[in-house]
Structures are given as structure tokens and as C-alpha cells.
Protein backbone atom coordinates (compact mmCIF):
# COMPACT_ATOMS: atom_id res chain seq x y z
CA MET A 1 5.69 15.08 10.83
CA PRO A 2 2.38 16.83 11.44
CA GLU A 3 -0.79 14.71 11.62
CA HIS A 4 -3.32 14.94 8.82
CA ILE A 5 -6.33 17.28 9.29
CA PRO A 6 -8.23 15.50 12.16
CA GLY A 7 -11.65 15.44 10.64
CA GLY A 8 -10.54 15.09 7.06
CA SER A 9 -12.25 16.59 3.99
CA GLY A 10 -14.95 13.97 3.47
CA GLU A 11 -13.42 13.28 0.07
CA PHE A 12 -14.24 9.54 0.40
CA ASP A 13 -17.56 9.77 2.16
CA GLY A 14 -19.81 6.88 1.17
CA ARG A 15 -16.98 4.77 -0.30
CA THR A 16 -15.64 1.46 0.94
CA ALA A 17 -11.94 0.74 0.86
CA LEU A 18 -10.01 -2.49 1.41
CA VAL A 19 -6.37 -2.09 2.42
CA THR A 20 -4.01 -5.00 2.73
CA GLY A 21 -0.94 -5.01 4.97
CA ALA A 22 -2.69 -2.48 7.25
CA GLY A 23 -1.12 -3.77 10.48
CA GLN A 24 1.78 -1.38 10.39
CA GLY A 25 3.84 1.07 8.33
CA ILE A 26 2.52 2.29 4.95
CA GLY A 27 -0.62 0.11 5.13
CA ALA A 28 -1.61 1.54 8.51
CA ALA A 29 -1.07 5.09 7.27
CA VAL A 30 -3.19 4.44 4.17
CA ALA A 31 -6.05 2.90 6.18
CA ARG A 32 -5.93 5.71 8.74
CA LEU A 33 -5.92 8.46 6.12
CA LEU A 34 -8.80 6.97 4.02
CA ALA A 35 -10.93 6.58 7.13
CA THR A 36 -10.17 10.15 8.21
CA LEU A 37 -11.27 11.25 4.77
CA GLY A 38 -14.58 9.53 5.15
CA ALA A 39 -14.13 6.02 3.77
CA GLN A 40 -15.49 2.82 5.32
CA VAL A 41 -12.13 1.03 5.62
CA ALA A 42 -11.55 -2.70 5.92
CA ALA A 43 -8.00 -2.80 7.34
CA THR A 44 -6.66 -6.26 6.59
CA ASP A 45 -3.55 -8.05 7.72
CA ARG A 46 -2.58 -11.60 8.69
CA ALA A 47 -1.35 -10.20 12.02
CA GLU A 48 -4.47 -9.51 14.06
CA HIS A 49 -2.83 -7.50 16.81
CA GLY A 50 -1.68 -4.80 14.40
CA ILE A 51 -5.05 -4.09 12.82
CA GLU A 52 -6.90 -4.37 16.19
CA ALA A 53 -4.55 -1.77 17.64
CA LEU A 54 -4.89 0.44 14.54
CA ALA A 55 -8.68 0.36 14.72
CA ALA A 56 -8.74 1.07 18.45
CA ASP A 57 -6.31 3.97 18.05
CA TRP A 58 -8.26 5.55 15.25
CA ALA A 59 -11.54 5.23 17.20
CA ARG A 60 -9.89 6.87 20.27
CA ARG A 61 -8.61 9.78 18.21
CA GLN A 62 -12.09 10.35 16.72
CA GLU A 63 -13.74 10.30 20.08
CA LYS A 64 -11.44 13.09 21.31
CA LEU A 65 -12.50 15.43 18.47
CA PRO A 66 -15.49 17.82 18.70
CA ALA A 67 -18.57 16.22 17.05
CA GLY A 68 -18.36 18.58 14.09
CA GLU A 69 -14.79 17.54 13.29
CA ARG A 70 -15.28 13.78 13.47
CA SER A 71 -14.94 11.72 10.30
CA ALA A 72 -17.91 9.94 8.71
CA GLY A 73 -15.58 7.06 8.11
CA ARG A 74 -14.98 3.79 9.83
CA LEU A 75 -11.89 1.59 10.32
CA GLU A 76 -12.69 -2.06 10.89
CA PRO A 77 -10.11 -4.86 11.25
CA TYR A 78 -10.29 -8.04 9.14
CA VAL A 79 -7.75 -10.83 9.48
CA MET A 80 -6.68 -11.86 6.03
CA ASP A 81 -3.65 -13.62 4.49
CA VAL A 82 -3.23 -12.42 0.90
CA THR A 83 -1.41 -15.73 0.00
CA ASP A 84 -4.63 -17.69 0.79
CA ARG A 85 -6.87 -17.33 -2.25
CA SER A 86 -10.00 -18.69 -0.62
CA ALA A 87 -9.51 -16.52 2.46
CA VAL A 88 -9.24 -13.44 0.30
CA GLN A 89 -12.42 -14.33 -1.57
CA ASP A 90 -14.22 -14.91 1.74
CA THR A 91 -12.98 -11.63 3.28
CA VAL A 92 -13.98 -9.62 0.23
CA GLY A 93 -17.48 -11.11 0.50
CA ARG A 94 -17.64 -10.23 4.20
CA VAL A 95 -16.47 -6.65 3.60
CA GLU A 96 -19.10 -6.19 0.83
CA ARG A 97 -21.85 -7.41 3.12
CA GLU A 98 -20.71 -5.56 6.25
CA LEU A 99 -19.27 -2.28 4.96
CA GLY A 100 -20.55 -1.98 1.45
CA PRO A 101 -19.39 -2.53 -2.14
CA VAL A 102 -15.61 -2.21 -2.39
CA ASP A 103 -14.85 0.99 -4.27
CA LEU A 104 -11.09 1.09 -3.56
CA LEU A 105 -8.48 -1.61 -3.22
CA VAL A 106 -5.06 -0.72 -1.92
CA ASN A 107 -2.49 -3.49 -2.09
CA VAL A 108 0.15 -2.78 0.48
CA ALA A 109 1.03 -6.16 2.03
CA GLY A 110 4.66 -7.02 1.40
CA ILE A 111 7.66 -8.83 2.84
CA LEU A 112 11.40 -8.40 2.30
CA ARG A 113 13.92 -11.27 2.07
CA THR A 114 17.44 -10.04 1.31
CA GLY A 115 20.43 -11.94 -0.08
CA ALA A 116 22.62 -12.21 -3.10
CA ALA A 117 20.79 -13.46 -6.16
CA THR A 118 23.10 -16.47 -6.45
CA GLU A 119 22.64 -17.36 -2.74
CA LEU A 120 19.00 -16.64 -2.08
CA SER A 121 17.06 -19.72 -0.97
CA ALA A 122 14.23 -21.06 -3.03
CA GLN A 123 11.97 -20.70 -0.03
CA ASP A 124 12.79 -17.00 0.38
CA TRP A 125 12.06 -16.47 -3.38
CA ALA A 126 8.80 -18.33 -3.12
CA ASP A 127 7.65 -16.52 0.03
CA THR A 128 8.47 -13.18 -1.34
CA PHE A 129 6.48 -13.75 -4.52
CA ALA A 130 3.61 -15.33 -2.61
CA VAL A 131 2.99 -12.10 -0.72
CA ASN A 132 4.28 -9.30 -2.99
CA ALA A 133 3.07 -10.58 -6.36
CA THR A 134 0.59 -13.41 -5.92
CA GLY A 135 -1.07 -11.62 -3.08
CA VAL A 136 -1.84 -8.72 -5.40
CA PHE A 137 -3.14 -11.21 -7.98
CA HIS A 138 -5.43 -12.73 -5.37
CA THR A 139 -6.96 -9.52 -3.99
CA SER A 140 -7.27 -7.87 -7.41
CA GLN A 141 -9.02 -10.92 -8.95
CA ALA A 142 -11.41 -10.88 -5.98
CA VAL A 143 -12.52 -7.28 -6.33
CA ALA A 144 -11.92 -6.36 -10.04
CA PRO A 145 -14.94 -8.29 -11.46
CA LEU A 146 -17.17 -6.66 -8.89
CA MET A 147 -15.87 -3.22 -9.73
CA ALA A 148 -16.16 -3.82 -13.46
CA ALA A 149 -19.78 -4.95 -13.09
CA ARG A 150 -20.53 -1.72 -11.25
CA GLU A 151 -18.49 0.24 -13.83
CA SER A 152 -16.64 2.06 -11.06
CA GLY A 153 -13.62 1.51 -8.83
CA CYS A 154 -9.97 2.04 -8.28
CA ILE A 155 -7.04 -0.24 -7.45
CA VAL A 156 -3.74 1.14 -6.19
CA THR A 157 -0.82 -1.21 -5.69
CA VAL A 158 1.99 0.00 -3.49
CA GLY A 159 5.09 -1.30 -5.21
CA SER A 160 8.71 -0.04 -4.78
CA ASN A 161 11.25 2.05 -6.66
CA ALA A 162 13.36 -1.16 -6.44
CA ALA A 163 11.00 -2.43 -9.21
CA GLY A 164 12.52 0.10 -11.60
CA ILE A 165 16.19 0.06 -10.71
CA PRO A 166 18.46 -2.86 -9.85
CA ARG A 167 19.40 -3.28 -6.17
CA THR A 168 22.15 -5.43 -4.77
CA GLY A 169 20.93 -8.06 -2.27
CA MET A 170 17.29 -7.44 -3.19
CA ALA A 171 16.68 -9.58 -6.27
CA ALA A 172 13.54 -11.36 -4.95
CA TYR A 173 11.99 -8.21 -3.57
CA ALA A 174 12.67 -6.09 -6.63
CA ALA A 175 11.48 -8.81 -9.04
CA SER A 176 8.26 -9.43 -7.09
CA LYS A 177 7.48 -5.71 -6.97
CA ALA A 178 8.12 -5.38 -10.67
CA ALA A 179 5.75 -8.32 -11.27
CA ALA A 180 3.07 -6.73 -9.08
CA ALA A 181 3.43 -3.35 -10.87
CA MET A 182 3.14 -4.85 -14.40
CA PHE A 183 0.19 -7.02 -13.33
CA THR A 184 -1.58 -3.95 -12.00
CA LYS A 185 -0.96 -2.04 -15.28
CA CYS A 186 -2.20 -4.95 -17.43
CA LEU A 187 -5.32 -5.31 -15.26
CA GLY A 188 -5.88 -1.60 -15.62
CA LEU A 189 -5.72 -1.86 -19.40
CA GLU A 190 -8.27 -4.65 -19.43
CA LEU A 191 -10.61 -2.81 -17.07
CA ALA A 192 -10.29 0.70 -18.50
CA ARG A 193 -13.45 0.48 -20.64
CA SER A 194 -15.45 -0.39 -17.52
CA GLY A 195 -14.29 2.83 -15.83
CA VAL A 196 -12.03 0.99 -13.31
CA ARG A 197 -8.67 2.66 -12.77
CA CYS A 198 -5.46 0.83 -11.75
CA ASN A 199 -2.28 2.57 -10.74
CA VAL A 200 0.99 1.95 -8.77
CA VAL A 201 2.67 4.03 -6.13
CA ALA A 202 6.41 3.20 -5.92
CA PRO A 203 7.95 4.38 -2.60
CA GLY A 204 11.60 4.64 -1.93
CA SER A 205 13.19 4.31 1.50
CA THR A 206 10.40 4.90 4.02
CA ASP A 207 10.56 4.97 7.83
CA THR A 208 8.92 1.62 8.51
CA ALA A 209 9.75 -1.52 10.44
CA MET A 210 10.90 -3.12 7.22
CA GLN A 211 13.32 -0.25 6.49
CA ARG A 212 14.66 -0.12 10.05
CA GLY A 213 15.25 -3.89 9.89
CA LEU A 214 18.01 -3.04 7.37
CA TRP A 215 19.70 -0.57 9.66
CA SER A 216 22.50 -1.95 11.91
CA ASP A 217 23.65 1.27 13.63
CA PRO A 218 22.60 4.90 14.30
CA GLY A 219 24.41 6.14 11.15
CA ALA A 220 22.44 3.84 8.78
CA GLU A 221 19.73 6.37 8.00
CA GLN A 222 22.16 9.00 6.91
CA ARG A 223 23.98 6.49 4.71
CA VAL A 224 20.73 5.74 2.94
CA ILE A 225 20.24 9.44 2.30
CA ASP A 226 23.87 9.93 1.20
CA GLY A 227 23.92 6.84 -1.07
CA ASP A 228 26.57 4.17 -1.47
CA PRO A 229 28.58 3.96 -4.71
CA ALA A 230 30.00 0.58 -3.62
CA THR A 231 26.46 -0.92 -4.00
CA TYR A 232 25.54 1.26 -6.96
CA ARG A 233 22.95 3.08 -4.94
CA THR A 234 22.19 6.75 -5.41
CA GLY A 235 21.22 8.87 -2.43
CA ILE A 236 18.03 10.77 -1.88
CA PRO A 237 18.16 14.25 -3.51
CA LEU A 238 15.51 15.65 -1.13
CA GLY A 239 17.68 14.66 1.82
CA ARG A 240 15.19 12.79 3.93
CA ILE A 241 13.69 9.34 4.44
CA ALA A 242 9.93 9.35 3.58
CA GLU A 243 7.32 8.99 6.28
CA PRO A 244 4.45 6.50 5.71
CA ALA A 245 2.12 9.50 5.50
CA ASP A 246 3.99 10.74 2.41
CA ILE A 247 3.11 7.45 0.61
CA ALA A 248 -0.49 7.49 1.97
CA ASP A 249 -1.05 10.95 0.50
CA ALA A 250 0.01 9.75 -2.94
CA VAL A 251 -2.28 6.74 -2.62
CA ALA A 252 -5.17 8.90 -1.62
CA PHE A 253 -4.64 11.28 -4.55
CA LEU A 254 -4.58 8.37 -7.07
CA ALA A 255 -7.72 6.87 -5.47
CA SER A 256 -9.63 10.15 -5.55
CA ASP A 257 -11.79 11.78 -8.17
CA ARG A 258 -8.99 14.35 -8.63
CA ALA A 259 -7.19 11.52 -10.48
CA ARG A 260 -10.18 10.40 -12.51
CA HIS A 261 -8.29 10.50 -15.78
CA ILE A 262 -5.18 8.77 -14.48
CA THR A 263 -4.70 5.02 -14.99
CA LEU A 264 -1.83 2.59 -15.84
CA GLN A 265 0.59 4.96 -14.16
CA GLU A 266 3.48 4.38 -11.68
CA LEU A 267 4.06 7.26 -9.39
CA TYR A 268 7.54 7.23 -7.73
CA VAL A 269 7.50 8.73 -4.27
CA ASP A 270 11.21 8.43 -3.35
CA GLY A 271 12.57 11.92 -2.96
CA GLY A 272 14.21 11.65 -6.41
CA ALA A 273 16.32 8.61 -5.49
CA THR A 274 15.85 6.86 -8.77
CA LEU A 275 16.50 10.08 -10.74
CA ARG A 276 13.26 9.59 -12.68
């Protein structure tokens, strides 16, 4: 898939964004795009090597551009575990001091533990909720009061289309993403009068390490596209797996002033897979 416009549009010049789960996949794509569009981006993840590599790669790409095409943005790595409430609070404080007041929070950090609902271990259930739901709670609670006090800001939670349609073998993941989505909408309702917007982007199958971890042979991708009646799963009407950049574009739109009158919404980016 083609890269985004190298120098970006400057749409987020002067804004600070905090992105969780930025070490790979969708989180990395979101952090890279927001920085390219001018934001000062705190790319956070509990895996330091991923965000360090992302920051270095972004800086190298910028250095290769003519001066007039370089972004005004920055992409800085911050090690942060969203399951650790105090670490989240500390990191948000650092980001505000070092990059500026957080204008945008993008919750991407997530894990997947598969298994039949009746066989899933209690630990897998707890771990999934700790990252996918409680992590969103921690980060949102850390930044939302600051945004509300400034009467400006935007929170986008990257959920999943699994939150809106039952999936076999994905009870913990689907339930945790549904919890994160509803929390985000409730938060948005409470913050609306302060001018803070909260929305959800719900991807379908996307070409990430998490998705590829579910594939056991070369034909797996096509089977996802085709669907599987035996597991009550529809295919993808657009006939392709999403790229992380497809999801990042949807996040950037909802975070931008072009979406200034959009809040409490859940945007499905799944090629029509849930027939919504």
C-alpha cells in the first residue's frame, strides 16, 4: 500500500498526542501518521524496542526529505504499561512537561487470548481485560480531567468489530473490546459539555502480528476474506484484509477538526465484514 504523503498536511501542528500500543501494528501506524501530520507524539508501549525502532525509523525518513517537506511533528518513545495505573499517571505527567498538554489520546494497546468460552482460563480472561478494558480506563482517567479543564481534547479508542458481533473462540477479547467501547462512549457523554470528544474506531481483520498469529498456513488470509459458515463468520465484502494505515486514517479523521461535531460514535473499518 502507498505511504502517506511524506511531509503531511500540518493538520495537527501544535498538538500533542499520546498513543498507546505504539510498538507495532495499528498503534505504530497511528503514531507515525499523527507525527507526519505535525503532532508531537508520545509513542507508548510496554515493549521498549518497538517504540525505539519506530521513533528511529520516523526520524530517518524525515531526514531524507527536502527541508520544505519535513513534518513539524515529533515522535518520542515512552515506555508505559497501561495496566499499571501509577505508571500511566507518571507518564502522562512527563509527556505534558516534555511535549506539551495532551490534546489527543489514542487507545490502541491490546492483547488477544483465544479459547472457547467454557474453557478459557481465569488468567487469560483477567489479562485480556487488564489491557483491553482497564488499560483504556487508566489512560482515559489520566488525561480526561486535564482535557476537560482546558475545554478541549479528543479521545479515540481503537476497539474491534468483534465488540459488535459474537465470535467463536474470542469471548474474552470481544467482551473486553465491548467494555472499552462503552466506557469510551459514557466518558464522552460526561465530557461533552467541556468540548472533549470521545469516539471509537472498530477495525476488522487487519494485517498485524496479532492477526497473523491466528493464521496457520498460506491459505488462511483468503479464508478470512471468504468467511467461514462453520464458525458463523461472514467474509469481507471488499475482498481484502485491512492495512494498519487504513485504521490510522480513520483515527486521524476522528481526531481532527473535520470531525469537530462527532462524538460518542463507533466507526467500523472492516470492509463491510459485520454488514453494518
